[in-house]
Structures are given as C-alpha cells and as structure tokens.
N, C-alpha and C. Protein backbone atom coordinates (compact mmCIF):
# COMPACT_ATOMS: atom_id res chain seq x y z
N MET A 1 52.64 -37.42 33.40
CA MET A 1 53.63 -38.30 33.70
C MET A 1 53.95 -39.38 32.45
N LYS A 2 55.56 -39.89 32.20
CA LYS A 2 55.50 -40.53 30.98
C LYS A 2 55.80 -41.60 31.16
N SER A 3 55.26 -42.72 30.86
CA SER A 3 54.97 -44.11 30.76
C SER A 3 56.52 -44.67 30.77
N ALA A 4 56.92 -45.69 31.81
CA ALA A 4 58.12 -46.21 31.62
C ALA A 4 58.22 -47.19 30.53
N LEU A 5 57.21 -47.97 30.56
CA LEU A 5 57.32 -48.75 29.24
C LEU A 5 57.49 -48.01 27.62
N SER A 6 58.50 -49.14 26.69
CA SER A 6 58.91 -48.63 25.64
C SER A 6 57.73 -49.16 24.60
N THR A 7 57.59 -48.27 23.58
CA THR A 7 56.31 -48.71 22.92
C THR A 7 56.43 -48.97 20.98
N ILE A 8 55.82 -49.66 20.26
CA ILE A 8 55.66 -49.84 19.18
C ILE A 8 54.63 -49.29 18.76
N GLU A 9 54.99 -47.66 18.12
CA GLU A 9 53.33 -47.40 17.71
C GLU A 9 53.09 -47.14 15.99
N ILE A 10 51.85 -46.86 15.90
CA ILE A 10 51.50 -46.60 14.31
C ILE A 10 50.62 -45.94 14.46
N LEU A 11 51.01 -44.78 13.84
CA LEU A 11 50.61 -43.27 14.07
C LEU A 11 48.98 -42.78 12.80
N PRO A 12 48.48 -42.39 13.34
CA PRO A 12 47.25 -41.93 11.98
C PRO A 12 47.47 -40.88 11.12
N THR A 13 47.05 -41.50 9.89
CA THR A 13 47.63 -40.65 8.93
C THR A 13 46.34 -39.59 8.93
N ALA A 14 45.73 -39.74 9.47
CA ALA A 14 44.30 -38.40 9.64
C ALA A 14 44.38 -38.01 10.95
N THR A 15 43.28 -37.23 11.05
CA THR A 15 43.45 -36.51 12.40
C THR A 15 42.99 -37.67 13.49
N HIS A 16 43.98 -37.47 14.35
CA HIS A 16 43.56 -38.24 15.50
C HIS A 16 42.70 -38.13 16.89
N GLN A 17 41.59 -39.52 16.18
CA GLN A 17 40.43 -39.31 17.18
C GLN A 17 40.30 -40.23 18.13
N TYR A 18 41.22 -41.34 17.48
CA TYR A 18 40.75 -42.77 18.55
C TYR A 18 42.49 -43.55 18.96
N SER A 19 42.26 -44.20 20.10
CA SER A 19 43.58 -45.28 20.29
C SER A 19 43.39 -46.64 20.71
N ILE A 20 44.53 -46.90 20.28
CA ILE A 20 43.90 -48.61 20.88
C ILE A 20 45.36 -48.88 21.08
N ILE A 21 45.31 -49.14 22.62
CA ILE A 21 46.30 -49.90 23.44
C ILE A 21 47.03 -51.51 23.09
N TRP A 22 47.66 -52.29 22.88
CA TRP A 22 47.13 -53.83 22.22
C TRP A 22 48.50 -54.53 23.33
N LEU A 23 48.42 -55.27 23.89
CA LEU A 23 49.15 -55.88 24.71
C LEU A 23 49.63 -57.44 24.21
N HIS A 24 50.77 -57.58 24.07
CA HIS A 24 51.48 -58.85 23.75
C HIS A 24 51.38 -60.31 24.91
N GLY A 25 52.06 -61.21 24.83
CA GLY A 25 51.40 -62.56 25.53
C GLY A 25 53.06 -62.71 25.96
N LEU A 26 53.02 -63.46 26.62
CA LEU A 26 54.49 -63.98 27.62
C LEU A 26 55.56 -64.27 26.39
N GLY A 27 56.69 -63.92 26.55
CA GLY A 27 57.93 -63.89 25.83
C GLY A 27 58.02 -63.23 24.48
N ALA A 28 56.58 -62.23 23.76
CA ALA A 28 56.65 -61.81 22.85
C ALA A 28 56.75 -60.33 23.03
N ASP A 29 56.53 -59.38 22.01
CA ASP A 29 56.72 -57.73 22.29
C ASP A 29 55.87 -57.03 21.57
N GLY A 30 56.60 -55.84 21.63
CA GLY A 30 55.39 -54.92 21.26
C GLY A 30 54.88 -55.20 19.41
N HIS A 31 56.06 -56.19 19.03
CA HIS A 31 55.88 -55.89 17.45
C HIS A 31 54.51 -57.27 17.31
N ASP A 32 54.79 -58.18 18.28
CA ASP A 32 53.68 -59.16 17.75
C ASP A 32 52.50 -58.64 17.12
N PHE A 33 51.30 -58.31 17.67
CA PHE A 33 50.59 -57.81 16.76
C PHE A 33 50.26 -56.69 15.77
N GLU A 34 51.76 -56.12 15.62
CA GLU A 34 51.74 -54.86 14.84
C GLU A 34 51.31 -55.07 13.37
N SER A 35 51.43 -56.34 12.85
CA SER A 35 50.80 -56.54 11.52
C SER A 35 49.72 -57.00 11.60
N ILE A 36 48.81 -56.94 12.57
CA ILE A 36 47.17 -57.06 12.28
C ILE A 36 46.47 -55.93 11.88
N VAL A 37 47.56 -54.83 12.37
CA VAL A 37 46.70 -53.59 11.91
C VAL A 37 46.13 -53.45 10.44
N PRO A 38 46.63 -54.04 9.49
CA PRO A 38 46.28 -53.82 8.17
C PRO A 38 45.25 -54.89 7.68
N GLN A 39 45.15 -56.37 8.54
CA GLN A 39 44.30 -57.26 7.90
C GLN A 39 42.90 -56.46 8.73
N LEU A 40 43.02 -55.86 9.50
CA LEU A 40 41.86 -55.31 10.48
C LEU A 40 40.78 -54.63 8.97
N ARG A 41 41.32 -53.66 8.19
CA ARG A 41 40.93 -52.86 7.64
C ARG A 41 39.59 -51.92 8.39
N LEU A 42 40.02 -51.59 9.14
CA LEU A 42 39.22 -50.61 10.39
C LEU A 42 38.31 -49.44 9.31
N LYS A 43 37.26 -49.16 9.47
CA LYS A 43 36.85 -47.88 9.32
C LYS A 43 37.51 -46.69 9.39
N ALA A 44 37.67 -46.81 10.51
CA ALA A 44 38.39 -45.47 11.20
C ALA A 44 39.46 -45.60 11.37
N GLN A 45 40.32 -46.26 10.50
CA GLN A 45 41.78 -46.88 10.58
C GLN A 45 42.44 -45.72 10.49
N ALA A 46 42.53 -44.87 9.39
CA ALA A 46 43.27 -43.38 9.34
C ALA A 46 43.36 -42.28 10.49
N HIS A 47 42.31 -42.86 11.59
CA HIS A 47 42.28 -41.75 12.49
C HIS A 47 42.47 -42.56 14.04
N ILE A 48 43.10 -43.56 13.76
CA ILE A 48 43.56 -44.36 15.29
C ILE A 48 45.16 -44.53 15.12
N HIS A 49 45.57 -44.11 17.05
CA HIS A 49 47.03 -44.13 17.20
C HIS A 49 46.85 -45.82 17.95
N PHE A 50 47.66 -46.60 17.20
CA PHE A 50 47.52 -47.73 17.72
C PHE A 50 49.08 -47.78 18.33
N ILE A 51 48.97 -48.49 19.76
CA ILE A 51 50.09 -48.31 20.81
C ILE A 51 50.71 -49.69 21.23
N PHE A 52 51.42 -50.22 21.12
CA PHE A 52 51.89 -51.91 21.39
C PHE A 52 52.86 -51.51 22.22
N PRO A 53 52.71 -51.95 23.46
CA PRO A 53 53.59 -51.75 24.56
C PRO A 53 54.39 -52.84 24.84
N ASN A 54 55.68 -52.43 25.28
CA ASN A 54 56.61 -54.00 25.42
C ASN A 54 56.36 -54.00 26.74
N ALA A 55 56.17 -55.37 27.03
CA ALA A 55 55.99 -55.71 28.45
C ALA A 55 57.69 -55.58 29.30
N PRO A 56 57.91 -55.31 30.80
CA PRO A 56 59.21 -55.17 31.18
C PRO A 56 59.77 -56.73 31.11
N ILE A 57 60.99 -56.79 31.31
CA ILE A 57 62.21 -57.81 30.65
C ILE A 57 62.10 -58.65 32.56
N GLN A 58 61.47 -59.78 32.61
CA GLN A 58 61.71 -60.08 33.90
C GLN A 58 62.10 -61.83 33.91
N ALA A 59 62.07 -62.09 35.24
CA ALA A 59 62.43 -63.42 35.25
C ALA A 59 60.84 -64.41 35.46
N VAL A 60 60.79 -65.47 34.62
CA VAL A 60 59.47 -66.14 34.75
C VAL A 60 59.69 -67.34 35.59
N THR A 61 59.16 -67.55 36.26
CA THR A 61 59.34 -68.94 37.64
C THR A 61 59.22 -70.16 36.63
N ILE A 62 58.02 -70.18 35.57
CA ILE A 62 57.39 -71.62 35.15
C ILE A 62 58.67 -72.01 33.93
N ASN A 63 59.42 -71.04 33.46
CA ASN A 63 60.53 -71.11 32.59
C ASN A 63 62.12 -70.72 33.07
N GLY A 64 62.23 -71.51 34.05
CA GLY A 64 63.49 -71.91 34.91
C GLY A 64 63.77 -70.70 35.26
N GLY A 65 62.92 -69.37 35.45
CA GLY A 65 63.68 -68.13 35.59
C GLY A 65 64.35 -67.67 34.80
N MET A 66 64.03 -67.92 33.29
CA MET A 66 64.71 -67.01 32.40
C MET A 66 64.19 -66.06 32.56
N LYS A 67 64.90 -64.64 32.08
CA LYS A 67 64.27 -63.77 31.89
C LYS A 67 63.80 -63.50 30.28
N MET A 68 62.52 -62.39 30.50
CA MET A 68 61.77 -62.31 28.95
C MET A 68 60.63 -61.70 29.61
N ARG A 69 60.29 -60.99 28.26
CA ARG A 69 58.91 -59.90 28.48
C ARG A 69 57.80 -60.32 28.97
N SER A 70 57.23 -59.97 30.08
CA SER A 70 56.19 -60.65 30.78
C SER A 70 55.54 -59.52 31.38
N TRP A 71 54.00 -59.29 31.47
CA TRP A 71 53.60 -58.90 32.59
C TRP A 71 53.29 -59.26 33.84
N TYR A 72 53.56 -60.28 34.23
CA TYR A 72 53.49 -60.36 35.52
C TYR A 72 54.38 -61.97 35.33
N ASP A 73 55.02 -62.54 36.46
CA ASP A 73 55.60 -63.64 36.76
C ASP A 73 53.88 -65.09 36.72
N ILE A 74 54.83 -65.91 36.38
CA ILE A 74 53.99 -67.32 36.06
C ILE A 74 54.51 -68.15 37.02
N PHE A 75 53.83 -68.52 38.38
CA PHE A 75 54.83 -69.11 39.28
C PHE A 75 54.31 -71.04 39.44
N GLU A 76 52.90 -71.31 38.68
CA GLU A 76 52.79 -72.59 37.84
C GLU A 76 51.76 -72.70 37.19
N MET A 77 51.75 -73.61 36.52
CA MET A 77 50.52 -73.92 35.28
C MET A 77 49.33 -74.60 36.06
N SER A 78 48.96 -74.99 37.21
CA SER A 78 48.19 -75.77 37.61
C SER A 78 46.92 -74.78 37.50
N LEU A 79 45.78 -75.70 37.35
CA LEU A 79 44.39 -74.38 37.21
C LEU A 79 44.43 -73.51 38.39
N ALA A 80 44.69 -74.03 39.52
CA ALA A 80 44.51 -73.35 40.86
C ALA A 80 45.91 -72.73 41.20
N ARG A 81 46.45 -72.21 39.97
CA ARG A 81 47.67 -71.65 40.36
C ARG A 81 47.85 -70.39 41.09
N LYS A 82 49.15 -70.82 41.85
CA LYS A 82 49.39 -69.03 43.14
C LYS A 82 49.89 -68.01 41.93
N VAL A 83 48.89 -66.75 41.92
CA VAL A 83 49.15 -65.51 40.72
C VAL A 83 49.86 -64.78 41.42
N ASP A 84 50.60 -64.18 40.83
CA ASP A 84 51.42 -62.80 40.89
C ASP A 84 50.69 -61.49 40.79
N ILE A 85 50.14 -61.59 41.97
CA ILE A 85 49.07 -60.38 42.01
C ILE A 85 49.57 -58.86 42.10
N ASP A 86 50.70 -58.76 42.45
CA ASP A 86 51.71 -57.95 42.56
C ASP A 86 52.04 -57.13 41.44
N GLY A 87 52.16 -58.20 40.46
CA GLY A 87 52.80 -57.92 38.89
C GLY A 87 51.53 -57.31 38.35
N ILE A 88 50.48 -58.57 38.57
CA ILE A 88 49.67 -57.80 37.64
C ILE A 88 49.32 -56.23 38.01
N TYR A 89 49.23 -55.71 39.12
CA TYR A 89 48.66 -54.30 39.51
C TYR A 89 49.71 -53.55 38.95
N GLN A 90 50.98 -54.10 39.09
CA GLN A 90 52.23 -52.59 38.39
C GLN A 90 51.73 -52.68 37.25
N SER A 91 51.33 -53.68 36.47
CA SER A 91 51.36 -53.50 34.77
C SER A 91 50.32 -52.86 34.60
N ALA A 92 49.01 -53.35 35.43
CA ALA A 92 47.97 -52.21 35.10
C ALA A 92 48.14 -50.63 35.19
N ALA A 93 48.93 -50.76 36.58
CA ALA A 93 49.56 -49.18 36.98
C ALA A 93 50.39 -48.30 35.31
N ALA A 94 51.09 -49.34 34.94
CA ALA A 94 52.01 -49.02 33.61
C ALA A 94 51.14 -48.53 32.70
N ILE A 95 49.52 -49.74 32.59
CA ILE A 95 48.82 -49.18 31.07
C ILE A 95 48.18 -48.25 31.25
N GLU A 96 47.69 -47.61 32.36
CA GLU A 96 46.90 -46.85 32.87
C GLU A 96 47.85 -45.57 32.86
N VAL A 97 48.97 -45.19 32.76
CA VAL A 97 49.69 -43.98 32.53
C VAL A 97 49.94 -44.13 30.71
N LEU A 98 49.61 -45.01 29.83
CA LEU A 98 49.38 -44.77 28.66
C LEU A 98 48.14 -44.14 28.56
N ILE A 99 47.03 -44.63 29.26
CA ILE A 99 45.85 -44.29 28.53
C ILE A 99 45.74 -42.55 29.39
N GLN A 100 46.48 -42.17 30.20
CA GLN A 100 46.72 -40.70 30.65
C GLN A 100 47.62 -40.01 29.56
N GLN A 101 48.64 -40.66 29.11
CA GLN A 101 48.86 -39.85 28.11
C GLN A 101 47.93 -39.62 26.83
N GLU A 102 47.39 -40.61 26.30
CA GLU A 102 46.22 -40.12 25.53
C GLU A 102 45.34 -39.19 25.31
N ILE A 103 44.61 -39.14 26.62
CA ILE A 103 44.16 -38.52 27.20
C ILE A 103 44.62 -36.81 27.45
N ALA A 104 45.80 -36.74 27.60
CA ALA A 104 46.45 -35.22 27.47
C ALA A 104 46.60 -34.78 26.57
N LYS A 105 46.51 -35.59 25.40
CA LYS A 105 46.89 -35.70 23.91
C LYS A 105 45.29 -34.41 23.18
N GLY A 106 44.44 -34.72 24.27
CA GLY A 106 42.82 -34.19 24.10
C GLY A 106 42.12 -35.62 23.40
N ILE A 107 42.80 -36.66 23.37
CA ILE A 107 41.77 -37.90 22.84
C ILE A 107 40.75 -38.13 24.06
N ASP A 108 39.56 -38.30 23.73
CA ASP A 108 38.24 -38.65 24.98
C ASP A 108 38.89 -39.82 25.19
N SER A 109 38.85 -39.76 26.76
CA SER A 109 38.77 -41.54 27.05
C SER A 109 37.83 -42.40 26.91
N ALA A 110 37.00 -42.10 26.34
CA ALA A 110 35.60 -42.91 25.78
C ALA A 110 35.88 -43.29 24.14
N ASN A 111 36.88 -42.49 23.89
CA ASN A 111 37.62 -43.22 22.40
C ASN A 111 38.89 -44.14 22.71
N ILE A 112 39.21 -44.43 23.77
CA ILE A 112 40.59 -45.24 24.09
C ILE A 112 40.16 -46.75 24.25
N LEU A 113 40.70 -47.42 23.62
CA LEU A 113 40.22 -49.13 23.64
C LEU A 113 41.22 -49.89 24.06
N LEU A 114 41.17 -50.88 24.92
CA LEU A 114 42.70 -52.05 25.25
C LEU A 114 42.23 -53.45 24.79
N ALA A 115 43.01 -53.58 24.07
CA ALA A 115 43.20 -55.15 23.91
C ALA A 115 44.17 -55.76 23.83
N GLY A 116 44.16 -57.23 24.49
CA GLY A 116 45.35 -58.13 25.11
C GLY A 116 45.25 -59.39 24.30
N PHE A 117 46.40 -59.95 24.27
CA PHE A 117 46.61 -61.41 24.01
C PHE A 117 47.35 -62.05 25.18
N SER A 118 46.68 -63.21 26.06
CA SER A 118 47.05 -63.97 26.70
C SER A 118 47.25 -63.64 27.87
N GLN A 119 48.42 -63.47 28.91
CA GLN A 119 49.03 -62.44 29.48
C GLN A 119 48.17 -60.86 29.45
N GLY A 120 48.38 -60.38 28.38
CA GLY A 120 48.04 -58.92 28.06
C GLY A 120 46.67 -58.65 28.21
N GLY A 121 45.93 -59.95 27.69
CA GLY A 121 44.50 -60.19 27.81
C GLY A 121 44.07 -59.66 29.19
N LEU A 122 44.78 -60.36 30.04
CA LEU A 122 44.28 -60.25 31.73
C LEU A 122 44.74 -58.98 32.29
N ILE A 123 45.74 -58.14 31.35
CA ILE A 123 46.16 -56.83 32.30
C ILE A 123 44.95 -55.98 31.31
N ALA A 124 44.52 -56.02 30.46
CA ALA A 124 43.46 -55.23 29.42
C ALA A 124 42.27 -55.43 30.24
N LEU A 125 41.99 -56.58 30.57
CA LEU A 125 40.68 -56.79 31.77
C LEU A 125 40.89 -56.28 32.87
N HIS A 126 41.86 -56.33 33.20
CA HIS A 126 41.74 -55.97 34.80
C HIS A 126 42.20 -54.64 35.11
N THR A 127 42.70 -53.48 33.81
CA THR A 127 42.79 -52.91 33.79
C THR A 127 41.66 -52.08 33.33
N GLY A 128 41.42 -52.24 32.33
CA GLY A 128 40.25 -51.32 31.97
C GLY A 128 38.65 -51.33 32.85
N LEU A 129 38.47 -52.79 33.59
CA LEU A 129 37.03 -52.74 34.33
C LEU A 129 37.49 -51.64 35.88
N ARG A 130 38.57 -51.73 35.87
CA ARG A 130 38.95 -50.81 37.19
C ARG A 130 39.46 -49.56 36.69
N CYS A 131 39.36 -48.77 35.55
CA CYS A 131 39.60 -47.47 35.17
C CYS A 131 38.61 -46.78 35.25
N PRO A 132 38.87 -45.46 36.29
CA PRO A 132 37.94 -44.42 36.35
C PRO A 132 37.54 -43.69 35.41
N GLN A 133 38.38 -44.01 34.29
CA GLN A 133 37.53 -42.71 33.63
C GLN A 133 37.14 -44.10 32.16
N LYS A 134 35.59 -43.42 31.83
CA LYS A 134 35.39 -44.38 30.95
C LYS A 134 36.03 -44.81 29.49
N LEU A 135 36.13 -45.63 29.49
CA LEU A 135 36.75 -46.28 27.80
C LEU A 135 35.58 -46.65 27.00
N ALA A 136 36.56 -47.24 25.34
CA ALA A 136 36.02 -47.35 24.85
C ALA A 136 35.37 -48.79 24.35
N GLY A 137 35.96 -49.73 24.67
CA GLY A 137 36.16 -51.41 25.25
C GLY A 137 37.47 -51.84 25.56
N ILE A 138 36.97 -53.55 25.42
CA ILE A 138 38.34 -54.13 25.81
C ILE A 138 38.29 -55.37 25.22
N ILE A 139 39.11 -56.00 24.48
CA ILE A 139 39.31 -57.12 24.03
C ILE A 139 40.46 -57.86 24.51
N ALA A 140 39.64 -59.37 24.77
CA ALA A 140 40.51 -60.09 25.66
C ALA A 140 40.60 -61.58 24.88
N LEU A 141 41.83 -61.77 24.70
CA LEU A 141 42.12 -62.80 23.51
C LEU A 141 42.49 -63.77 24.28
N SER A 142 42.39 -65.44 24.31
CA SER A 142 42.88 -66.37 24.54
C SER A 142 43.37 -66.09 25.81
N THR A 143 42.52 -65.89 27.31
CA THR A 143 42.93 -65.22 28.08
C THR A 143 42.38 -65.92 29.85
N TYR A 144 42.49 -65.28 31.06
CA TYR A 144 41.47 -65.43 32.12
C TYR A 144 41.65 -64.26 32.74
N LEU A 145 41.05 -64.70 34.32
CA LEU A 145 40.98 -63.33 34.79
C LEU A 145 40.87 -63.63 36.52
N PRO A 146 42.05 -63.90 37.14
CA PRO A 146 42.29 -64.48 38.33
C PRO A 146 42.00 -63.49 39.55
N THR A 147 41.60 -62.16 38.94
CA THR A 147 41.71 -61.30 39.96
C THR A 147 40.14 -60.64 39.54
N VAL A 148 39.44 -61.79 39.05
CA VAL A 148 37.71 -61.32 38.95
C VAL A 148 37.37 -60.55 40.41
N ASP A 149 37.51 -61.81 41.51
CA ASP A 149 36.92 -61.05 42.60
C ASP A 149 37.09 -59.38 43.06
N SER A 150 38.63 -59.31 42.95
CA SER A 150 38.44 -57.95 43.19
C SER A 150 37.29 -56.90 42.54
N LEU A 151 37.08 -57.51 41.60
CA LEU A 151 35.83 -56.38 40.66
C LEU A 151 34.56 -56.06 41.72
N LYS A 152 34.63 -57.14 42.63
CA LYS A 152 33.48 -56.58 43.83
C LYS A 152 33.52 -54.94 44.14
N THR A 153 34.87 -54.74 44.84
CA THR A 153 34.96 -53.85 45.20
C THR A 153 35.66 -52.54 44.55
N GLU A 154 36.59 -53.48 43.48
CA GLU A 154 37.47 -52.08 42.87
C GLU A 154 36.78 -51.66 41.52
N ALA A 155 35.84 -52.43 40.64
CA ALA A 155 35.23 -52.07 39.49
C ALA A 155 34.83 -50.32 39.68
N ALA A 156 35.58 -50.16 38.57
CA ALA A 156 34.90 -48.79 37.95
C ALA A 156 33.40 -48.83 37.78
N THR A 157 32.52 -47.72 38.51
CA THR A 157 30.95 -47.38 38.19
C THR A 157 31.23 -46.67 36.74
N ALA A 158 32.34 -45.98 35.88
CA ALA A 158 32.05 -45.38 34.58
C ALA A 158 32.37 -46.49 33.26
N ASN A 159 33.07 -47.73 33.93
CA ASN A 159 32.68 -48.68 32.76
C ASN A 159 32.09 -50.19 33.46
N ARG A 160 30.81 -49.97 33.95
CA ARG A 160 30.27 -50.98 34.09
C ARG A 160 29.45 -51.33 32.93
N THR A 161 29.53 -50.42 31.77
CA THR A 161 28.44 -50.68 30.30
C THR A 161 29.33 -50.97 29.62
N ILE A 162 30.94 -51.28 30.00
CA ILE A 162 31.57 -51.31 28.77
C ILE A 162 31.72 -52.58 28.30
N PRO A 163 31.59 -52.34 26.63
CA PRO A 163 31.48 -53.47 26.13
C PRO A 163 33.00 -54.31 25.87
N VAL A 164 32.96 -55.81 26.02
CA VAL A 164 34.03 -56.35 26.19
C VAL A 164 33.80 -57.45 24.82
N PHE A 165 35.05 -58.03 24.53
CA PHE A 165 35.19 -59.13 23.72
C PHE A 165 35.87 -60.38 23.96
N MET A 166 35.54 -61.31 24.44
CA MET A 166 36.33 -62.29 24.73
C MET A 166 36.19 -63.45 23.68
N ALA A 167 37.13 -63.99 23.37
CA ALA A 167 37.78 -64.89 22.41
C ALA A 167 38.97 -66.03 23.03
N HIS A 168 38.62 -66.92 22.72
CA HIS A 168 39.47 -68.52 22.91
C HIS A 168 39.23 -69.33 21.73
N GLY A 169 40.66 -70.38 21.90
CA GLY A 169 40.94 -71.12 21.15
C GLY A 169 40.17 -72.32 21.93
N SER A 170 39.49 -73.36 21.02
CA SER A 170 39.22 -74.60 21.83
C SER A 170 39.92 -75.68 21.96
N MET A 171 41.25 -75.59 21.27
CA MET A 171 42.16 -76.41 21.78
C MET A 171 43.27 -75.63 22.34
N ASP A 172 42.94 -74.75 22.92
CA ASP A 172 44.13 -74.08 23.63
C ASP A 172 45.02 -75.02 24.83
N SER A 173 46.54 -74.84 24.26
CA SER A 173 46.87 -76.07 25.35
C SER A 173 48.02 -75.12 26.30
N VAL A 174 47.82 -73.57 26.09
CA VAL A 174 48.52 -72.78 27.20
C VAL A 174 47.58 -72.32 28.33
N VAL A 175 46.43 -71.77 27.69
CA VAL A 175 45.56 -71.18 28.76
C VAL A 175 44.16 -71.98 28.35
N ALA A 176 43.91 -73.16 29.23
CA ALA A 176 42.59 -73.72 28.47
C ALA A 176 41.48 -73.37 29.12
N MET A 177 40.62 -73.54 27.63
CA MET A 177 39.56 -72.56 27.33
C MET A 177 38.55 -72.69 28.79
N PRO A 178 38.28 -73.68 29.22
CA PRO A 178 37.47 -73.52 30.68
C PRO A 178 37.86 -72.08 31.45
N ASN A 179 39.06 -72.06 31.67
CA ASN A 179 40.20 -70.50 32.14
C ASN A 179 38.96 -69.43 31.75
N GLY A 180 38.96 -69.22 30.32
CA GLY A 180 38.81 -68.02 30.05
C GLY A 180 37.23 -67.77 29.95
N LYS A 181 36.72 -69.04 30.18
CA LYS A 181 35.07 -69.35 29.80
C LYS A 181 34.48 -69.02 31.35
N MET A 182 35.06 -69.46 32.20
CA MET A 182 34.96 -69.25 33.77
C MET A 182 34.91 -67.11 34.05
N ALA A 183 35.76 -67.08 33.59
CA ALA A 183 36.05 -65.23 33.33
C ALA A 183 34.70 -64.71 32.86
N PHE A 184 34.56 -65.18 31.40
CA PHE A 184 33.69 -64.75 31.09
C PHE A 184 32.46 -65.01 31.31
N ASP A 185 32.02 -66.12 32.33
CA ASP A 185 31.07 -66.52 33.07
C ASP A 185 30.36 -65.54 34.32
N ALA A 186 31.80 -65.45 34.91
CA ALA A 186 31.61 -64.52 36.11
C ALA A 186 31.57 -62.79 35.99
N LEU A 187 32.19 -62.75 34.37
CA LEU A 187 31.65 -61.02 34.09
C LEU A 187 29.93 -60.79 33.55
N GLN A 188 29.77 -61.98 32.93
CA GLN A 188 28.20 -62.29 32.46
C GLN A 188 27.09 -62.18 34.06
N ALA A 189 28.09 -62.57 35.00
CA ALA A 189 26.73 -62.66 35.92
C ALA A 189 26.91 -61.34 36.79
N MET A 190 27.86 -60.34 36.48
CA MET A 190 28.36 -59.33 37.10
C MET A 190 27.41 -57.92 35.94
N GLU A 191 26.58 -58.56 34.88
CA GLU A 191 25.91 -57.62 34.07
C GLU A 191 26.70 -57.22 33.32
N TYR A 192 28.17 -57.70 33.06
CA TYR A 192 28.56 -56.81 32.02
C TYR A 192 28.63 -57.08 30.53
N PRO A 193 28.04 -56.11 29.62
CA PRO A 193 27.90 -56.58 28.42
C PRO A 193 28.74 -57.31 27.70
N VAL A 194 29.48 -58.55 27.95
CA VAL A 194 30.65 -59.37 27.43
C VAL A 194 30.15 -60.12 25.97
N LYS A 195 30.59 -60.44 25.31
CA LYS A 195 30.46 -61.18 24.22
C LYS A 195 31.58 -62.06 24.07
N TRP A 196 31.35 -63.73 23.88
CA TRP A 196 32.03 -64.85 23.88
C TRP A 196 32.54 -65.64 22.63
N TYR A 197 33.46 -65.48 21.82
CA TYR A 197 33.53 -66.41 20.89
C TYR A 197 34.71 -67.27 20.96
N GLN A 198 34.80 -68.49 20.06
CA GLN A 198 35.21 -69.34 20.34
C GLN A 198 35.94 -70.13 18.44
N TYR A 199 37.04 -70.46 18.52
CA TYR A 199 37.23 -70.92 17.46
C TYR A 199 38.47 -72.36 17.65
N PRO A 200 38.01 -73.33 16.46
CA PRO A 200 38.96 -74.28 16.65
C PRO A 200 40.38 -74.27 16.36
N MET A 201 41.02 -73.79 17.38
CA MET A 201 42.48 -73.44 17.29
C MET A 201 42.96 -73.57 18.69
N ASP A 202 44.92 -73.66 18.67
CA ASP A 202 45.31 -73.75 19.79
C ASP A 202 45.28 -71.97 20.02
N HIS A 203 46.73 -72.03 20.85
CA HIS A 203 46.79 -70.66 21.81
C HIS A 203 47.33 -69.72 20.59
N SER A 204 46.44 -69.00 19.81
CA SER A 204 46.80 -68.31 18.93
C SER A 204 45.92 -67.25 18.09
N VAL A 205 45.82 -66.72 17.14
CA VAL A 205 44.70 -65.93 16.60
C VAL A 205 44.49 -66.65 15.12
N CYS A 206 43.33 -66.31 14.78
CA CYS A 206 42.80 -66.85 13.62
C CYS A 206 42.08 -65.95 12.59
N MET A 207 42.14 -65.87 11.30
CA MET A 207 41.29 -65.02 10.28
C MET A 207 39.92 -64.68 10.79
N GLU A 208 39.28 -65.56 11.14
CA GLU A 208 37.98 -65.60 11.30
C GLU A 208 38.02 -64.57 12.62
N GLU A 209 38.62 -64.81 13.49
CA GLU A 209 38.56 -64.48 14.83
C GLU A 209 39.21 -62.85 15.31
N VAL A 210 39.99 -62.45 13.78
CA VAL A 210 40.47 -61.03 12.86
C VAL A 210 39.15 -60.52 12.56
N ARG A 211 38.20 -60.93 11.96
CA ARG A 211 37.10 -60.52 11.33
C ARG A 211 36.18 -60.13 12.54
N ASP A 212 36.13 -60.73 13.54
CA ASP A 212 35.36 -60.86 14.31
C ASP A 212 35.81 -59.32 15.12
N ILE A 213 37.00 -59.52 15.40
CA ILE A 213 37.93 -58.17 16.15
C ILE A 213 37.29 -56.88 15.33
N ALA A 214 37.56 -57.25 13.92
CA ALA A 214 37.30 -56.15 13.20
C ALA A 214 35.72 -55.31 13.12
N ASP A 215 35.05 -56.52 13.41
CA ASP A 215 33.73 -55.85 13.51
C ASP A 215 33.53 -55.49 14.93
N PHE A 216 33.49 -55.78 15.75
CA PHE A 216 33.67 -55.16 16.97
C PHE A 216 33.95 -54.02 17.30
N ILE A 217 35.19 -53.90 16.99
CA ILE A 217 35.73 -52.31 16.88
C ILE A 217 35.48 -51.36 16.00
N ASN A 218 34.71 -51.72 14.91
CA ASN A 218 33.79 -50.73 13.76
C ASN A 218 32.68 -50.40 14.46
N ALA A 219 32.32 -51.06 15.16
CA ALA A 219 30.86 -51.26 15.87
C ALA A 219 30.97 -49.90 16.89
N ILE A 220 32.53 -49.96 17.54
CA ILE A 220 32.58 -48.62 18.59
C ILE A 220 33.05 -47.54 18.18
N PHE A 221 34.03 -47.26 17.28
CA PHE A 221 34.62 -46.29 16.59
C PHE A 221 34.32 -46.32 14.91
N LYS A 222 33.22 -45.53 14.60
CA LYS A 222 32.75 -45.35 13.43
C LYS A 222 32.96 -44.64 12.91
C-alpha cells in the first residue's frame, strides 16, 4: 500500500539501515524539520532515511476555519478542550502506512523511529505506542497526549519498552508545559521508559534540545 501523504525525504548516502519519520506541527510542512538533520550530526546519519510527511490540508476550527496543513482539527484552546479523536486516528493510520513502506524495503521495524513536534508529536506518540511491530523509539516535542487513556486497551505489547524522549519549553504559550508533563506522568505511571527534558523557551526548538535529541538517537542507532 502506498501512503496518501506526500513527503520530503533525505536519502541515506550509504546502506539503508535505519528510518526516521518526523512529523511537523500545525500549519507547517515537511520542510520544517528538514534543516535539523545536519545539526544532529548522528553517528549513523549516512545509513538513515529521513522522511518528513506533509499533513493533509484541512480546515482548522480555532483559526476561523482557515485551511492549512494539520494532522487533526483543533476545536478550542482550553485545557479541557474537545479533541478531534477521529482526525488523530486517521493521521495515525497514514503514518502506519509509511512505517509499513519502510518495512517492505527490508528495514527491520526495530530500526524505525518516530519523531514529531506539537501536533506531530501527538501523532508520533499515538502511533508508536499502538504500533503492533516493535519500533526503535519515539521523540515527542512540545506536545500532549489527549488519547492516553486509550492506551489502557490499545497499547501494543511490542512497544511496552520503547524508549520515549519527551521535551517541552517552560514558557510554551501554545501547548502549556503542564499538558506535556501530564502526558509524561501518565506514561511513566504505565511504566514506559520515558525521559523528560525541559528548556527555557516558548513553542520552539533550541540547540540544547537538538543535542539531547542527537544523544537519544545515537544511543539507539549505533
């Protein structure tokens, strides 16, 4: 099956051994994190296929119904906001197709890592923790997880020990840090090996965070 999502890709320059699927945030596109690749300076970088999918273009309620790239609709900004559960599951299914495409190329699922920022981080978590095939790890940046309760029945046994990197800006004005911390606490209570990092920044990425992300990936892709 071919994914319905268009993608920006950085192909490996040596034998393809690993894959990283990296999801952007609301209103951005696959190019958003393309420039992070050289900054990571990963030990196995030559062997990694980087895939940056473009979210579908759809109306976003909180932005007056304006159409933009979005992994799911956002109905309201309150902490107890109504969540577009159907949209989350649809995007997760689309990312699962990308995972299967890499496996079809001969890449072991345990060598496929999911990463995402904001909306993309939610989809990375939701997809990775439910994936029936063992994955390498999950990186979830400046995000939250409103579907965490569904893990009680939908969590995949294959990924109960998956390494999870969660990071957040302490001054985040878009996704308040307590929302991300609640997701971390819930996953930790479920005994996932999740690590938490926070930085003095808004809804963004900083160089210290990039270095920590690189350390996390280097520990997995040796």
